[in-house]
Amino acid sequence: MRVHIGTDHAGFELKQHLVSELTAKGYEVVDHGPAEYDPEDDYPVYCLPAAQAVVDDPGSLGIVIGGSGNGEAIAANKVDGVRCALAWSEETAKLGRLHNDANVISVGGRMHTPEEATGFIELFLETAFSGDARHQRRIDLLADYEAGR
């Protein structure tokens, strides 16, 4: 599976860790940056392209990381076709996929240890959408709203 990842300075170290960990586990990780640490960079510059790449690459998933993960989730959710879930626990990571068919996960790099964040992300990547009618209905309602219907 291809995984697109983007962050800002607050998630830079976690991103580097995740690229290494996920690659070792067989994921094809596409790093949308930044390539080096810059304490003044802005998350939309990296998170928007990572989210757009998920939409443009069917079957892929995405990861966006920042200090809290909030701004990064907001940015990713601006991209048509993205459903980004902010995960702060194993349960929220799993439910983001299982119930919401989220295709991007956002994690706060300053909120969790690298091991915790890696665990959330691995659960997200390994969990499939349940396909339950009630969950699909809700996703369809959101898609209709986005399309202006």
Protein backbone atom coordinates (compact mmCIF):
# COMPACT_ATOMS: atom_id res chain seq x y z
CA MET A 1 0.00 0.00 0.00
CA ARG A 2 1.17 3.51 -0.82
CA VAL A 3 1.09 6.01 2.04
CA HIS A 4 1.44 9.76 1.52
CA ILE A 5 2.88 11.74 4.42
CA GLY A 6 3.33 15.43 5.13
CA THR A 7 4.10 17.50 8.21
CA ASP A 8 5.55 20.72 9.49
CA HIS A 9 8.43 21.36 11.87
CA ALA A 10 6.44 20.13 14.89
CA GLY A 11 6.04 16.69 13.37
CA PHE A 12 9.32 16.50 11.49
CA GLU A 13 11.04 13.99 13.81
CA LEU A 14 7.95 11.80 13.97
CA LYS A 15 7.66 11.88 10.17
CA GLN A 16 11.26 10.73 9.80
CA HIS A 17 10.60 7.91 12.29
CA LEU A 18 7.40 6.87 10.48
CA VAL A 19 8.99 6.86 7.03
CA SER A 20 11.61 4.45 8.32
CA GLU A 21 9.19 2.26 10.32
CA LEU A 22 6.53 2.01 7.63
CA THR A 23 9.03 1.38 4.84
CA ALA A 24 10.54 -1.45 6.89
CA LYS A 25 7.04 -2.95 7.20
CA GLY A 26 6.57 -2.96 3.43
CA TYR A 27 4.59 0.23 2.88
CA GLU A 28 5.53 2.43 -0.05
CA VAL A 29 5.87 5.80 1.67
CA VAL A 30 5.76 9.00 -0.39
CA ASP A 31 7.23 11.85 1.64
CA HIS A 32 5.68 15.21 0.75
CA GLY A 33 8.02 17.03 3.06
CA PRO A 34 9.59 18.89 4.47
CA ALA A 35 12.97 17.47 3.51
CA GLU A 36 14.71 19.23 6.39
CA TYR A 37 13.76 20.83 9.68
CA ASP A 38 12.70 24.48 9.48
CA PRO A 39 11.14 25.94 12.64
CA GLU A 40 9.29 28.55 10.57
CA ASP A 41 7.63 26.31 7.99
CA ASP A 42 3.87 26.13 7.49
CA TYR A 43 1.87 22.88 7.60
CA PRO A 44 -0.44 23.65 4.62
CA VAL A 45 2.58 23.64 2.29
CA TYR A 46 3.14 19.94 3.03
CA CYS A 47 -0.19 18.62 4.27
CA LEU A 48 -2.29 19.85 1.35
CA PRO A 49 -0.12 18.08 -1.26
CA ALA A 50 -0.08 14.89 0.83
CA ALA A 51 -3.89 14.95 1.09
CA GLN A 52 -4.31 15.75 -2.61
CA ALA A 53 -2.00 12.87 -3.48
CA VAL A 54 -4.31 10.47 -1.61
CA VAL A 55 -7.25 11.61 -3.74
CA ASP A 56 -5.17 11.36 -6.92
CA ASP A 57 -3.84 7.91 -5.99
CA PRO A 58 -6.83 5.57 -5.45
CA GLY A 59 -6.20 2.91 -2.84
CA SER A 60 -3.58 4.93 -1.02
CA LEU A 61 -3.88 6.44 2.46
CA GLY A 62 -2.35 9.53 4.02
CA ILE A 63 -0.75 10.77 7.21
CA VAL A 64 -0.48 14.41 8.27
CA ILE A 65 1.38 15.45 11.40
CA GLY A 66 1.80 18.65 13.36
CA GLY A 67 2.11 19.73 16.97
CA SER A 68 -1.48 18.93 17.90
CA GLY A 69 -2.69 17.52 14.59
CA ASN A 70 -5.63 19.93 14.56
CA GLY A 71 -4.48 22.36 11.88
CA GLU A 72 -3.20 19.53 9.75
CA ALA A 73 -6.57 17.75 9.90
CA ILE A 74 -8.33 21.00 8.98
CA ALA A 75 -5.97 21.50 6.04
CA ALA A 76 -6.34 17.93 4.78
CA ASN A 77 -10.13 18.16 5.01
CA LYS A 78 -10.09 21.17 2.66
CA VAL A 79 -9.13 18.81 -0.18
CA ASP A 80 -12.19 17.46 -2.01
CA GLY A 81 -12.44 13.73 -1.45
CA VAL A 82 -10.44 13.63 1.78
CA ARG A 83 -11.89 12.41 5.03
CA CYS A 84 -9.20 13.09 7.62
CA ALA A 85 -9.59 11.81 11.17
CA LEU A 86 -7.65 13.29 14.08
CA ALA A 87 -6.45 10.31 16.12
CA TRP A 88 -5.46 10.61 19.76
CA SER A 89 -5.96 7.00 20.82
CA GLU A 90 -5.99 3.52 19.33
CA GLU A 91 -9.77 3.59 19.32
CA THR A 92 -10.05 6.89 17.44
CA ALA A 93 -7.50 5.69 14.88
CA LYS A 94 -9.39 2.46 14.30
CA LEU A 95 -12.85 4.03 14.23
CA GLY A 96 -11.69 6.65 11.74
CA ARG A 97 -11.32 3.86 9.21
CA LEU A 98 -13.97 1.43 10.45
CA HIS A 99 -16.87 3.89 10.71
CA ASN A 100 -15.82 6.95 8.67
CA ASP A 101 -13.76 5.38 5.89
CA ALA A 102 -11.17 8.09 6.58
CA ASN A 103 -8.41 8.10 4.01
CA VAL A 104 -6.06 10.40 5.94
CA ILE A 105 -5.04 10.31 9.60
CA SER A 106 -3.81 13.32 11.53
CA VAL A 107 -1.64 12.92 14.62
CA GLY A 108 -0.16 15.44 17.02
CA GLY A 109 3.58 14.92 17.15
CA ARG A 110 3.83 16.82 20.42
CA MET A 111 0.95 14.92 22.01
CA HIS A 112 2.28 11.35 21.85
CA THR A 113 5.48 9.36 22.05
CA PRO A 114 6.76 8.07 18.72
CA GLU A 115 5.73 4.57 19.78
CA GLU A 116 2.17 5.65 20.60
CA ALA A 117 1.78 7.60 17.36
CA THR A 118 3.21 4.71 15.35
CA GLY A 119 0.69 2.39 16.97
CA PHE A 120 -2.22 4.69 16.06
CA ILE A 121 -1.04 4.96 12.49
CA GLU A 122 -0.46 1.23 12.07
CA LEU A 123 -3.98 0.51 13.36
CA PHE A 124 -5.37 3.07 10.94
CA LEU A 125 -3.49 1.56 8.00
CA GLU A 126 -4.48 -2.01 8.92
CA THR A 127 -8.19 -1.31 9.50
CA ALA A 128 -10.70 -1.53 6.66
CA PHE A 129 -13.97 0.37 6.38
CA SER A 130 -16.80 -1.76 7.79
CA GLY A 131 -19.11 -1.02 4.86
CA ASP A 132 -22.09 -0.93 7.23
CA ALA A 133 -25.07 0.77 5.61
CA ARG A 134 -25.48 3.32 8.41
CA HIS A 135 -21.87 4.45 8.09
CA GLN A 136 -22.01 4.57 4.29
CA ARG A 137 -25.22 6.60 4.48
CA ARG A 138 -23.48 9.21 6.63
CA ILE A 139 -20.48 9.36 4.32
CA ASP A 140 -22.85 9.80 1.36
CA LEU A 141 -24.63 12.66 3.16
CA LEU A 142 -21.31 14.44 3.58
CA ALA A 143 -20.35 13.83 -0.05
CA ASP A 144 -23.72 15.21 -1.17
CA TYR A 145 -23.18 18.34 0.91
CA GLU A 146 -19.70 18.83 -0.57
CA ALA A 147 -21.14 18.45 -4.07
CA GLY A 148 -23.84 21.04 -3.33
CA ARG A 149 -26.70 18.55 -3.54
